[in-house]
Amino acid sequence: ACAHFEDITMTDFLEVNRQELGLWLREEPGAFDWSTYSQ
């Protein structure tokens, strides 16, 4: 989707899920590795 939209909003009810997303978005240590999916 990201190639087709310039403004993306992610959402979740749970703060722990939003925190998990934040780790990946900020490229912080300990973030889940999605590189296999990206590849």
Full PDB file with SEQRES, HELIX, SHEET, SSBOND, CRYST1, ORIGX, SCALE, CONECT and MASTER records, all heavy atoms in Angstrom:
SEQRES   1 A   39  ALA CYS ALA HIS PHE GLU ASP ILE THR MET THR ASP PHE          
SEQRES   2 A   39  LEU GLU VAL ASN ARG GLN GLU LEU GLY LEU TRP LEU ARG          
SEQRES   3 A   39  GLU GLU PRO GLY ALA PHE ASP TRP SER THR TYR SER GLN          
HELIX    1 AA1 GLU A   15  LEU A   25  1                                  11    
HELIX    2 AA2 SER A   35  SER A   38  1                                   4    
CRYST1    1.000    1.000    1.000  90.00  90.00  90.00 P 1           1          
ORIGX1      1.000000  0.000000  0.000000        0.00000                         
ORIGX2      0.000000  1.000000  0.000000        0.00000                         
ORIGX3      0.000000  0.000000  1.000000        0.00000                         
SCALE1      1.000000  0.000000  0.000000        0.00000                         
SCALE2      0.000000  1.000000  0.000000        0.00000                         
SCALE3      0.000000  0.000000  1.000000        0.00000                         
ATOM      1  N   ALA A   1       0.816  -1.222   0.000  1.00  0.00           N  
ATOM      2  CA  ALA A   1       0.000   0.000   0.000  1.00  0.00           C  
ATOM      3  C   ALA A   1       0.847   1.269   0.000  1.00  0.00           C  
ATOM      4  O   ALA A   1       0.439   2.299  -0.567  1.00  0.00           O  
ATOM      5  CB  ALA A   1      -0.926   0.006   1.215  1.00  0.00           C  
ATOM      6  N   CYS A   2       2.024   1.213   0.623  1.00  0.00           N  
ATOM      7  CA  CYS A   2       2.760   2.453   0.874  1.00  0.00           C  
ATOM      8  C   CYS A   2       3.246   3.141  -0.394  1.00  0.00           C  
ATOM      9  O   CYS A   2       3.566   4.329  -0.373  1.00  0.00           O  
ATOM     10  CB  CYS A   2       3.911   2.204   1.839  1.00  0.00           C  
ATOM     11  SG  CYS A   2       5.221   1.137   1.192  1.00  0.00           S  
ATOM     12  N   ALA A   3       3.311   2.424  -1.495  1.00  0.00           N  
ATOM     13  CA  ALA A   3       3.711   3.065  -2.754  1.00  0.00           C  
ATOM     14  C   ALA A   3       2.589   3.876  -3.375  1.00  0.00           C  
ATOM     15  O   ALA A   3       2.828   4.664  -4.295  1.00  0.00           O  
ATOM     16  CB  ALA A   3       4.189   2.002  -3.748  1.00  0.00           C  
ATOM     17  N   HIS A   4       1.368   3.728  -2.861  1.00  0.00           N  
ATOM     18  CA  HIS A   4       0.197   4.320  -3.499  1.00  0.00           C  
ATOM     19  C   HIS A   4      -0.485   5.392  -2.644  1.00  0.00           C  
ATOM     20  O   HIS A   4      -1.442   6.018  -3.111  1.00  0.00           O  
ATOM     21  CB  HIS A   4      -0.805   3.213  -3.833  1.00  0.00           C  
ATOM     22  CG  HIS A   4      -0.231   2.139  -4.698  1.00  0.00           C  
ATOM     23  ND1 HIS A   4      -0.230   2.206  -6.075  1.00  0.00           N  
ATOM     24  CD2 HIS A   4       0.400   0.969  -4.380  1.00  0.00           C  
ATOM     25  CE1 HIS A   4       0.360   1.124  -6.566  1.00  0.00           C  
ATOM     26  NE2 HIS A   4       0.745   0.362  -5.564  1.00  0.00           N  
ATOM     27  N   PHE A   5       0.007   5.612  -1.412  1.00  0.00           N  
ATOM     28  CA  PHE A   5      -0.584   6.607  -0.505  1.00  0.00           C  
ATOM     29  C   PHE A   5       0.539   7.326   0.231  1.00  0.00           C  
ATOM     30  O   PHE A   5       1.438   6.684   0.773  1.00  0.00           O  
ATOM     31  CB  PHE A   5      -1.527   5.934   0.495  1.00  0.00           C  
ATOM     32  CG  PHE A   5      -2.709   5.271  -0.151  1.00  0.00           C  
ATOM     33  CD1 PHE A   5      -2.618   3.957  -0.589  1.00  0.00           C  
ATOM     34  CD2 PHE A   5      -3.897   5.965  -0.347  1.00  0.00           C  
ATOM     35  CE1 PHE A   5      -3.698   3.342  -1.206  1.00  0.00           C  
ATOM     36  CE2 PHE A   5      -4.978   5.356  -0.962  1.00  0.00           C  
ATOM     37  CZ  PHE A   5      -4.874   4.042  -1.396  1.00  0.00           C  
ATOM     38  N   GLU A   6       0.458   8.646   0.271  1.00  0.00           N  
ATOM     39  CA  GLU A   6       1.535   9.423   0.896  1.00  0.00           C  
ATOM     40  C   GLU A   6       1.278   9.718   2.356  1.00  0.00           C  
ATOM     41  O   GLU A   6       2.194  10.120   3.085  1.00  0.00           O  
ATOM     42  CB  GLU A   6       1.731  10.738   0.143  1.00  0.00           C  
ATOM     43  CG  GLU A   6       0.522  11.657   0.167  1.00  0.00           C  
ATOM     44  CD  GLU A   6       0.686  12.858  -0.740  1.00  0.00           C  
ATOM     45  OE1 GLU A   6       0.976  12.657  -1.935  1.00  0.00           O  
ATOM     46  OE2 GLU A   6       0.532  13.994  -0.246  1.00  0.00           O  
ATOM     47  N   ASP A   7       0.044   9.537   2.829  1.00  0.00           N  
ATOM     48  CA  ASP A   7      -0.312   9.823   4.224  1.00  0.00           C  
ATOM     49  C   ASP A   7      -1.050   8.614   4.781  1.00  0.00           C  
ATOM     50  O   ASP A   7      -2.209   8.375   4.457  1.00  0.00           O  
ATOM     51  CB  ASP A   7      -1.185  11.074   4.297  1.00  0.00           C  
ATOM     52  CG  ASP A   7      -1.486  11.500   5.728  1.00  0.00           C  
ATOM     53  OD1 ASP A   7      -1.914  10.656   6.543  1.00  0.00           O  
ATOM     54  OD2 ASP A   7      -1.303  12.688   6.042  1.00  0.00           O  
ATOM     55  N   ILE A   8      -0.362   7.836   5.621  1.00  0.00           N  
ATOM     56  CA  ILE A   8      -0.922   6.605   6.176  1.00  0.00           C  
ATOM     57  C   ILE A   8      -1.092   6.753   7.677  1.00  0.00           C  
ATOM     58  O   ILE A   8      -0.177   7.204   8.373  1.00  0.00           O  
ATOM     59  CB  ILE A   8      -0.020   5.396   5.861  1.00  0.00           C  
ATOM     60  CG1 ILE A   8       0.034   5.153   4.351  1.00  0.00           C  
ATOM     61  CG2 ILE A   8      -0.512   4.141   6.584  1.00  0.00           C  
ATOM     62  CD1 ILE A   8       1.000   4.054   3.935  1.00  0.00           C  
ATOM     63  N   THR A   9      -2.276   6.385   8.159  1.00  0.00           N  
ATOM     64  CA  THR A   9      -2.567   6.358   9.587  1.00  0.00           C  
ATOM     65  C   THR A   9      -2.689   4.909  10.034  1.00  0.00           C  
ATOM     66  O   THR A   9      -3.474   4.153   9.459  1.00  0.00           O  
ATOM     67  CB  THR A   9      -3.888   7.095   9.897  1.00  0.00           C  
ATOM     68  OG1 THR A   9      -3.782   8.461   9.481  1.00  0.00           O  
ATOM     69  CG2 THR A   9      -4.199   7.049  11.391  1.00  0.00           C  
ATOM     70  N   MET A  10      -1.913   4.525  11.032  1.00  0.00           N  
ATOM     71  CA  MET A  10      -2.079   3.221  11.652  1.00  0.00           C  
ATOM     72  C   MET A  10      -2.855   3.399  12.953  1.00  0.00           C  
ATOM     73  O   MET A  10      -2.784   4.460  13.586  1.00  0.00           O  
ATOM     74  CB  MET A  10      -0.721   2.566  11.919  1.00  0.00           C  
ATOM     75  CG  MET A  10       0.109   2.361  10.665  1.00  0.00           C  
ATOM     76  SD  MET A  10       1.624   1.376  10.930  1.00  0.00           S  
ATOM     77  CE  MET A  10       0.933  -0.289  11.009  1.00  0.00           C  
ATOM     78  N   THR A  11      -3.610   2.381  13.356  1.00  0.00           N  
ATOM     79  CA  THR A  11      -4.467   2.511  14.530  1.00  0.00           C  
ATOM     80  C   THR A  11      -4.484   1.210  15.314  1.00  0.00           C  
ATOM     81  O   THR A  11      -4.326   0.123  14.760  1.00  0.00           O  
ATOM     82  CB  THR A  11      -5.922   2.847  14.142  1.00  0.00           C  
ATOM     83  OG1 THR A  11      -6.496   1.714  13.463  1.00  0.00           O  
ATOM     84  CG2 THR A  11      -6.006   4.068  13.244  1.00  0.00           C  
ATOM     85  N   ASP A  12      -4.689   1.326  16.610  1.00  0.00           N  
ATOM     86  CA  ASP A  12      -4.939   0.148  17.428  1.00  0.00           C  
ATOM     87  C   ASP A  12      -5.546   0.562  18.759  1.00  0.00           C  
ATOM     88  O   ASP A  12      -5.262   1.638  19.290  1.00  0.00           O  
ATOM     89  CB  ASP A  12      -3.678  -0.671  17.670  1.00  0.00           C  
ATOM     90  CG  ASP A  12      -4.023  -2.101  18.050  1.00  0.00           C  
ATOM     91  OD1 ASP A  12      -4.351  -2.875  17.130  1.00  0.00           O  
ATOM     92  OD2 ASP A  12      -4.010  -2.434  19.243  1.00  0.00           O  
ATOM     93  N   PHE A  13      -6.376  -0.305  19.291  1.00  0.00           N  
ATOM     94  CA  PHE A  13      -6.988  -0.094  20.601  1.00  0.00           C  
ATOM     95  C   PHE A  13      -5.963  -0.207  21.727  1.00  0.00           C  
ATOM     96  O   PHE A  13      -5.982   0.559  22.692  1.00  0.00           O  
ATOM     97  CB  PHE A  13      -8.102  -1.122  20.789  1.00  0.00           C  
ATOM     98  CG  PHE A  13      -8.620  -1.229  22.198  1.00  0.00           C  
ATOM     99  CD1 PHE A  13      -9.281  -0.186  22.798  1.00  0.00           C  
ATOM    100  CD2 PHE A  13      -8.452  -2.408  22.907  1.00  0.00           C  
ATOM    101  CE1 PHE A  13      -9.761  -0.289  24.097  1.00  0.00           C  
ATOM    102  CE2 PHE A  13      -8.935  -2.532  24.204  1.00  0.00           C  
ATOM    103  CZ  PHE A  13      -9.587  -1.470  24.800  1.00  0.00           C  
ATOM    104  N   LEU A  14      -5.050  -1.148  21.612  1.00  0.00           N  
ATOM    105  CA  LEU A  14      -4.122  -1.455  22.698  1.00  0.00           C  
ATOM    106  C   LEU A  14      -2.863  -0.593  22.636  1.00  0.00           C  
ATOM    107  O   LEU A  14      -2.193  -0.523  21.608  1.00  0.00           O  
ATOM    108  CB  LEU A  14      -3.711  -2.920  22.655  1.00  0.00           C  
ATOM    109  CG  LEU A  14      -4.747  -3.947  23.103  1.00  0.00           C  
ATOM    110  CD1 LEU A  14      -4.184  -5.345  22.941  1.00  0.00           C  
ATOM    111  CD2 LEU A  14      -5.193  -3.703  24.533  1.00  0.00           C  
ATOM    112  N   GLU A  15      -2.517  -0.010  23.763  1.00  0.00           N  
ATOM    113  CA  GLU A  15      -1.284   0.765  23.847  1.00  0.00           C  
ATOM    114  C   GLU A  15      -0.058  -0.120  23.584  1.00  0.00           C  
ATOM    115  O   GLU A  15       0.895   0.308  22.932  1.00  0.00           O  
ATOM    116  CB  GLU A  15      -1.155   1.424  25.213  1.00  0.00           C  
ATOM    117  CG  GLU A  15       0.091   2.277  25.351  1.00  0.00           C  
ATOM    118  CD  GLU A  15       0.228   2.912  26.714  1.00  0.00           C  
ATOM    119  OE1 GLU A  15      -0.652   2.687  27.565  1.00  0.00           O  
ATOM    120  OE2 GLU A  15       1.228   3.627  26.925  1.00  0.00           O  
ATOM    121  N   VAL A  16      -0.091  -1.382  24.056  1.00  0.00           N  
ATOM    122  CA  VAL A  16       1.079  -2.245  23.846  1.00  0.00           C  
ATOM    123  C   VAL A  16       1.308  -2.516  22.362  1.00  0.00           C  
ATOM    124  O   VAL A  16       2.457  -2.650  21.922  1.00  0.00           O  
ATOM    125  CB  VAL A  16       0.942  -3.575  24.625  1.00  0.00           C  
ATOM    126  CG1 VAL A  16       1.052  -3.348  26.115  1.00  0.00           C  
ATOM    127  CG2 VAL A  16      -0.343  -4.306  24.264  1.00  0.00           C  
ATOM    128  N   ASN A  17       0.253  -2.576  21.588  1.00  0.00           N  
ATOM    129  CA  ASN A  17       0.425  -2.753  20.143  1.00  0.00           C  
ATOM    130  C   ASN A  17       0.948  -1.482  19.493  1.00  0.00           C  
ATOM    131  O   ASN A  17       1.796  -1.537  18.588  1.00  0.00           O  
ATOM    132  CB  ASN A  17      -0.890  -3.178  19.508  1.00  0.00           C  
ATOM    133  CG  ASN A  17      -1.193  -4.651  19.708  1.00  0.00           C  
ATOM    134  OD1 ASN A  17      -0.309  -5.439  20.014  1.00  0.00           O  
ATOM    135  ND2 ASN A  17      -2.453  -5.028  19.550  1.00  0.00           N  
ATOM    136  N   ARG A  18       0.456  -0.340  19.939  1.00  0.00           N  
ATOM    137  CA  ARG A  18       0.963   0.919  19.392  1.00  0.00           C  
ATOM    138  C   ARG A  18       2.437   1.107  19.752  1.00  0.00           C  
ATOM    139  O   ARG A  18       3.222   1.638  18.958  1.00  0.00           O  
ATOM    140  CB  ARG A  18       0.114   2.091  19.892  1.00  0.00           C  
ATOM    141  CG  ARG A  18      -1.360   1.977  19.486  1.00  0.00           C  
ATOM    142  CD  ARG A  18      -2.123   3.287  19.648  1.00  0.00           C  
ATOM    143  NE  ARG A  18      -2.082   3.824  20.991  1.00  0.00           N  
ATOM    144  CZ  ARG A  18      -2.937   3.503  21.973  1.00  0.00           C  
ATOM    145  NH1 ARG A  18      -3.897   2.603  21.743  1.00  0.00           N  
ATOM    146  NH2 ARG A  18      -2.849   4.071  23.146  1.00  0.00           N  
ATOM    147  N   GLN A  19       2.822   0.663  20.923  1.00  0.00           N  
ATOM    148  CA  GLN A  19       4.231   0.720  21.310  1.00  0.00           C  
ATOM    149  C   GLN A  19       5.072  -0.193  20.419  1.00  0.00           C  
ATOM    150  O   GLN A  19       6.180   0.176  20.004  1.00  0.00           O  
ATOM    151  CB  GLN A  19       4.392   0.322  22.777  1.00  0.00           C  
ATOM    152  CG  GLN A  19       3.853   1.354  23.750  1.00  0.00           C  
ATOM    153  CD  GLN A  19       3.867   0.860  25.185  1.00  0.00           C  
ATOM    154  OE1 GLN A  19       3.860  -0.344  25.444  1.00  0.00           O  
ATOM    155  NE2 GLN A  19       3.885   1.787  26.119  1.00  0.00           N  
ATOM    156  N   GLU A  20       4.548  -1.378  20.136  1.00  0.00           N  
ATOM    157  CA  GLU A  20       5.267  -2.317  19.272  1.00  0.00           C  
ATOM    158  C   GLU A  20       5.461  -1.726  17.884  1.00  0.00           C  
ATOM    159  O   GLU A  20       6.545  -1.838  17.284  1.00  0.00           O  
ATOM    160  CB  GLU A  20       4.505  -3.642  19.189  1.00  0.00           C  
ATOM    161  CG  GLU A  20       5.229  -4.756  18.481  1.00  0.00           C  
ATOM    162  CD  GLU A  20       6.455  -5.261  19.234  1.00  0.00           C  
ATOM    163  OE1 GLU A  20       6.374  -5.419  20.465  1.00  0.00           O  
ATOM    164  OE2 GLU A  20       7.491  -5.502  18.583  1.00  0.00           O  
ATOM    165  N   LEU A  21       4.425  -1.100  17.345  1.00  0.00           N  
ATOM    166  CA  LEU A  21       4.558  -0.434  16.048  1.00  0.00           C  
ATOM    167  C   LEU A  21       5.600   0.671  16.104  1.00  0.00           C  
ATOM    168  O   LEU A  21       6.396   0.838  15.172  1.00  0.00           O  
ATOM    169  CB  LEU A  21       3.208   0.144  15.625  1.00  0.00           C  
ATOM    170  CG  LEU A  21       2.087  -0.852  15.320  1.00  0.00           C  
ATOM    171  CD1 LEU A  21       0.781  -0.113  15.069  1.00  0.00           C  
ATOM    172  CD2 LEU A  21       2.440  -1.744  14.138  1.00  0.00           C  
ATOM    173  N   GLY A  22       5.602   1.419  17.198  1.00  0.00           N  
ATOM    174  CA  GLY A  22       6.559   2.506  17.338  1.00  0.00           C  
ATOM    175  C   GLY A  22       8.001   2.039  17.306  1.00  0.00           C  
ATOM    176  O   GLY A  22       8.883   2.712  16.746  1.00  0.00           O  
ATOM    177  N   LEU A  23       8.272   0.886  17.897  1.00  0.00           N  
ATOM    178  CA  LEU A  23       9.633   0.339  17.862  1.00  0.00           C  
ATOM    179  C   LEU A  23      10.102   0.130  16.424  1.00  0.00           C  
ATOM    180  O   LEU A  23      11.236   0.482  16.066  1.00  0.00           O  
ATOM    181  CB  LEU A  23       9.688  -0.989  18.619  1.00  0.00           C  
ATOM    182  CG  LEU A  23       9.505  -0.964  20.131  1.00  0.00           C  
ATOM    183  CD1 LEU A  23       9.525  -2.382  20.688  1.00  0.00           C  
ATOM    184  CD2 LEU A  23      10.586  -0.112  20.794  1.00  0.00           C  
ATOM    185  N   TRP A  24       9.224  -0.442  15.596  1.00  0.00           N  
ATOM    186  CA  TRP A  24       9.611  -0.692  14.211  1.00  0.00           C  
ATOM    187  C   TRP A  24       9.705   0.609  13.418  1.00  0.00           C  
ATOM    188  O   TRP A  24      10.651   0.811  12.644  1.00  0.00           O  
ATOM    189  CB  TRP A  24       8.623  -1.642  13.540  1.00  0.00           C  
ATOM    190  CG  TRP A  24       9.078  -2.048  12.168  1.00  0.00           C  
ATOM    191  CD1 TRP A  24       9.909  -3.080  11.840  1.00  0.00           C  
ATOM    192  CD2 TRP A  24       8.740  -1.400  10.933  1.00  0.00           C  
ATOM    193  NE1 TRP A  24      10.125  -3.119  10.487  1.00  0.00           N  
ATOM    194  CE2 TRP A  24       9.418  -2.109   9.901  1.00  0.00           C  
ATOM    195  CE3 TRP A  24       7.935  -0.314  10.601  1.00  0.00           C  
ATOM    196  CZ2 TRP A  24       9.302  -1.731   8.561  1.00  0.00           C  
ATOM    197  CZ3 TRP A  24       7.826   0.056   9.258  1.00  0.00           C  
ATOM    198  CH2 TRP A  24       8.498  -0.650   8.262  1.00  0.00           C  
ATOM    199  N   LEU A  25       8.758   1.490  13.617  1.00  0.00           N  
ATOM    200  CA  LEU A  25       8.750   2.740  12.856  1.00  0.00           C  
ATOM    201  C   LEU A  25       9.973   3.589  13.166  1.00  0.00           C  
ATOM    202  O   LEU A  25      10.490   4.292  12.294  1.00  0.00           O  
ATOM    203  CB  LEU A  25       7.470   3.522  13.153  1.00  0.00           C  
ATOM    204  CG  LEU A  25       6.181   2.917  12.592  1.00  0.00           C  
ATOM    205  CD1 LEU A  25       4.964   3.569  13.221  1.00  0.00           C  
ATOM    206  CD2 LEU A  25       6.137   3.045  11.075  1.00  0.00           C  
ATOM    207  N   ARG A  26      10.456   3.518  14.396  1.00  0.00           N  
ATOM    208  CA  ARG A  26      11.633   4.301  14.797  1.00  0.00           C  
ATOM    209  C   ARG A  26      12.936   3.518  14.631  1.00  0.00           C  
ATOM    210  O   ARG A  26      14.002   4.014  14.998  1.00  0.00           O  
ATOM    211  CB  ARG A  26      11.477   4.769  16.244  1.00  0.00           C  
ATOM    212  CG  ARG A  26      10.301   5.708  16.464  1.00  0.00           C  
ATOM    213  CD  ARG A  26      10.321   6.279  17.882  1.00  0.00           C  
ATOM    214  NE  ARG A  26      10.219   5.213  18.887  1.00  0.00           N  
ATOM    215  CZ  ARG A  26       9.076   4.750  19.377  1.00  0.00           C  
ATOM    216  NH1 ARG A  26       7.920   5.248  18.935  1.00  0.00           N  
ATOM    217  NH2 ARG A  26       9.070   3.797  20.284  1.00  0.00           N  
ATOM    218  N   GLU A  27      12.845   2.273  14.131  1.00  0.00           N  
ATOM    219  CA  GLU A  27      14.011   1.409  13.933  1.00  0.00           C  
ATOM    220  C   GLU A  27      14.799   1.222  15.226  1.00  0.00           C  
ATOM    221  O   GLU A  27      16.029   1.265  15.245  1.00  0.00           O  
ATOM    222  CB  GLU A  27      14.923   1.967  12.839  1.00  0.00           C  
ATOM    223  CG  GLU A  27      14.249   2.073  11.471  1.00  0.00           C  
ATOM    224  CD  GLU A  27      15.205   2.518  10.387  1.00  0.00           C  
ATOM    225  OE1 GLU A  27      16.022   1.698   9.930  1.00  0.00           O  
ATOM    226  OE2 GLU A  27      15.128   3.695  10.002  1.00  0.00           O  
ATOM    227  N   GLU A  28      14.079   0.992  16.296  1.00  0.00           N  
ATOM    228  CA  GLU A  28      14.724   0.834  17.591  1.00  0.00           C  
ATOM    229  C   GLU A  28      15.170  -0.605  17.817  1.00  0.00           C  
ATOM    230  O   GLU A  28      14.597  -1.551  17.254  1.00  0.00           O  
ATOM    231  CB  GLU A  28      13.768   1.273  18.706  1.00  0.00           C  
ATOM    232  CG  GLU A  28      13.480   2.758  18.706  1.00  0.00           C  
ATOM    233  CD  GLU A  28      12.739   3.205  19.961  1.00  0.00           C  
ATOM    234  OE1 GLU A  28      12.508   2.357  20.849  1.00  0.00           O  
ATOM    235  OE2 GLU A  28      12.400   4.394  20.045  1.00  0.00           O  
ATOM    236  N   PRO A  29      16.208  -0.801  18.631  1.00  0.00           N  
ATOM    237  CA  PRO A  29      16.646  -2.167  18.967  1.00  0.00           C  
ATOM    238  C   PRO A  29      15.501  -2.948  19.597  1.00  0.00           C  
ATOM    239  O   PRO A  29      14.729  -2.409  20.390  1.00  0.00           O  
ATOM    240  CB  PRO A  29      17.782  -1.934  19.969  1.00  0.00           C  
ATOM    241  CG  PRO A  29      18.266  -0.540  19.701  1.00  0.00           C  
ATOM    242  CD  PRO A  29      17.057   0.233  19.265  1.00  0.00           C  
ATOM    243  N   GLY A  30      15.388  -4.215  19.223  1.00  0.00           N  
ATOM    244  CA  GLY A  30      14.337  -5.058  19.783  1.00  0.00           C  
ATOM    245  C   GLY A  30      13.057  -5.062  18.985  1.00  0.00           C  
ATOM    246  O   GLY A  30      12.127  -5.817  19.309  1.00  0.00           O  
ATOM    247  N   ALA A  31      12.960  -4.244  17.941  1.00  0.00           N  
ATOM    248  CA  ALA A  31      11.763  -4.250  17.100  1.00  0.00           C  
ATOM    249  C   ALA A  31      11.653  -5.583  16.370  1.00  0.00           C  
ATOM    250  O   ALA A  31      12.652  -6.216  16.043  1.00  0.00           O  
ATOM    251  CB  ALA A  31      11.806  -3.103  16.103  1.00  0.00           C  
ATOM    252  N   PHE A  32      10.434  -6.008  16.105  1.00  0.00           N  
ATOM    253  CA  PHE A  32      10.220  -7.246  15.353  1.00  0.00           C  
ATOM    254  C   PHE A  32      10.815  -7.092  13.953  1.00  0.00           C  
ATOM    255  O   PHE A  32      10.698  -6.036  13.326  1.00  0.00           O  
ATOM    256  CB  PHE A  32       8.733  -7.561  15.266  1.00  0.00           C  
ATOM    257  CG  PHE A  32       8.423  -8.911  14.702  1.00  0.00           C  
ATOM    258  CD1 PHE A  32       8.512 -10.047  15.495  1.00  0.00           C  
ATOM    259  CD2 PHE A  32       8.038  -9.069  13.374  1.00  0.00           C  
ATOM    260  CE1 PHE A  32       8.235 -11.314  14.978  1.00  0.00           C  
ATOM    261  CE2 PHE A  32       7.748 -10.321  12.850  1.00  0.00           C  
ATOM    262  CZ  PHE A  32       7.850 -11.444  13.661  1.00  0.00           C  
ATOM    263  N   ASP A  33      11.450  -8.130  13.467  1.00  0.00           N  
ATOM    264  CA  ASP A  33      12.111  -8.096  12.161  1.00  0.00           C  
ATOM    265  C   ASP A  33      11.129  -8.499  11.070  1.00  0.00           C  
ATOM    266  O   ASP A  33      10.753  -9.661  10.941  1.00  0.00           O  
ATOM    267  CB  ASP A  33      13.315  -9.050  12.180  1.00  0.00           C  
ATOM    268  CG  ASP A  33      14.099  -9.028  10.872  1.00  0.00           C  
ATOM    269  OD1 ASP A  33      13.782  -8.190   9.998  1.00  0.00           O  
ATOM    270  OD2 ASP A  33      15.020  -9.854  10.730  1.00  0.00           O  
ATOM    271  N   TRP A  34      10.711  -7.521  10.263  1.00  0.00           N  
ATOM    272  CA  TRP A  34       9.792  -7.758   9.159  1.00  0.00           C  
ATOM    273  C   TRP A  34      10.517  -7.870   7.823  1.00  0.00           C  
ATOM    274  O   TRP A  34       9.869  -7.874   6.763  1.00  0.00           O  
ATOM    275  CB  TRP A  34       8.750  -6.645   9.082  1.00  0.00           C  
ATOM    276  CG  TRP A  34       7.778  -6.665  10.212  1.00  0.00           C  
ATOM    277  CD1 TRP A  34       7.775  -5.861  11.322  1.00  0.00           C  
ATOM    278  CD2 TRP A  34       6.648  -7.542  10.362  1.00  0.00           C  
ATOM    279  NE1 TRP A  34       6.728  -6.190  12.148  1.00  0.00           N  
ATOM    280  CE2 TRP A  34       6.015  -7.205  11.588  1.00  0.00           C  
ATOM    281  CE3 TRP A  34       6.114  -8.569   9.576  1.00  0.00           C  
ATOM    282  CZ2 TRP A  34       4.875  -7.870  12.038  1.00  0.00           C  
ATOM    283  CZ3 TRP A  34       4.979  -9.230  10.023  1.00  0.00           C  
ATOM    284  CH2 TRP A  34       4.369  -8.880  11.237  1.00  0.00           C  
ATOM    285  N   SER A  35      11.844  -7.965   7.833  1.00  0.00           N  
ATOM    286  CA  SER A  35      12.597  -7.900   6.582  1.00  0.00           C  
ATOM    287  C   SER A  35      12.255  -9.050   5.638  1.00  0.00           C  
ATOM    288  O   SER A  35      12.259  -8.876   4.410  1.00  0.00           O  
ATOM    289  CB  SER A  35      14.096  -7.873   6.863  1.00  0.00           C  
ATOM    290  OG  SER A  35      14.522  -9.046   7.540  1.00  0.00           O  
ATOM    291  N   THR A  36      11.956 -10.234   6.179  1.00  0.00           N  
ATOM    292  CA  THR A  36      11.578 -11.351   5.315  1.00  0.00           C  
ATOM    293  C   THR A  36      10.313 -11.028   4.537  1.00  0.00           C  
ATOM    294  O   THR A  36      10.191 -11.350   3.348  1.00  0.00           O  
ATOM    295  CB  THR A  36      11.377 -12.629   6.144  1.00  0.00           C  
ATOM    296  OG1 THR A  36      12.574 -12.916   6.857  1.00  0.00           O  
ATOM    297  CG2 THR A  36      11.028 -13.804   5.258  1.00  0.00           C  
ATOM    298  N   TYR A  37       9.355 -10.385   5.198  1.00  0.00           N  
ATOM    299  CA  TYR A  37       8.112  -9.987   4.531  1.00  0.00           C  
ATOM    300  C   TYR A  37       8.386  -8.897   3.503  1.00  0.00           C  
ATOM    301  O   TYR A  37       7.841  -8.922   2.397  1.00  0.00           O  
ATOM    302  CB  TYR A  37       7.096  -9.513   5.568  1.00  0.00           C  
ATOM    303  CG  TYR A  37       6.451 -10.650   6.323  1.00  0.00           C  
ATOM    304  CD1 TYR A  37       7.136 -11.314   7.344  1.00  0.00           C  
ATOM    305  CD2 TYR A  37       5.178 -11.089   6.012  1.00  0.00           C  
ATOM    306  CE1 TYR A  37       6.566 -12.373   8.030  1.00  0.00           C  
ATOM    307  CE2 TYR A  37       4.590 -12.149   6.694  1.00  0.00           C  
ATOM    308  CZ  TYR A  37       5.296 -12.783   7.695  1.00  0.00           C  
ATOM    309  OH  TYR A  37       4.725 -13.833   8.367  1.00  0.00           O  
ATOM    310  N   SER A  38       9.221  -7.947   3.858  1.00  0.00           N  
ATOM    311  CA  SER A  38       9.549  -6.866   2.925  1.00  0.00           C  
ATOM    312  C   SER A  38      10.241  -7.422   1.681  1.00  0.00           C  
ATOM    313  O   SER A  38       9.952  -7.005   0.552  1.00  0.00           O  
ATOM    314  CB  SER A  38      10.448  -5.841   3.617  1.00  0.00           C  
ATOM    315  OG  SER A  38       9.835  -5.348   4.797  1.00  0.00           O  
ATOM    316  N   GLN A  39      11.163  -8.369   1.887  1.00  0.00           N  
ATOM    317  CA  GLN A  39      11.849  -8.988   0.756  1.00  0.00           C  
ATOM    318  C   GLN A  39      10.864  -9.732  -0.137  1.00  0.00           C  
ATOM    319  O   GLN A  39      10.964  -9.670  -1.373  1.00  0.00           O  
ATOM    320  CB  GLN A  39      12.916  -9.952   1.271  1.00  0.00           C  
ATOM    321  CG  GLN A  39      14.083  -9.274   1.958  1.00  0.00           C  
ATOM    322  CD  GLN A  39      15.003 -10.262   2.652  1.00  0.00           C  
ATOM    323  OE1 GLN A  39      15.237 -11.362   2.157  1.00  0.00           O  
ATOM    324  NE2 GLN A  39      15.515  -9.884   3.811  1.00  0.00           N  
TER     325      GLN A  39                                                      
MASTER        0    0    0    2    0    0    0    6  324    1    0    3          
END                                                                             
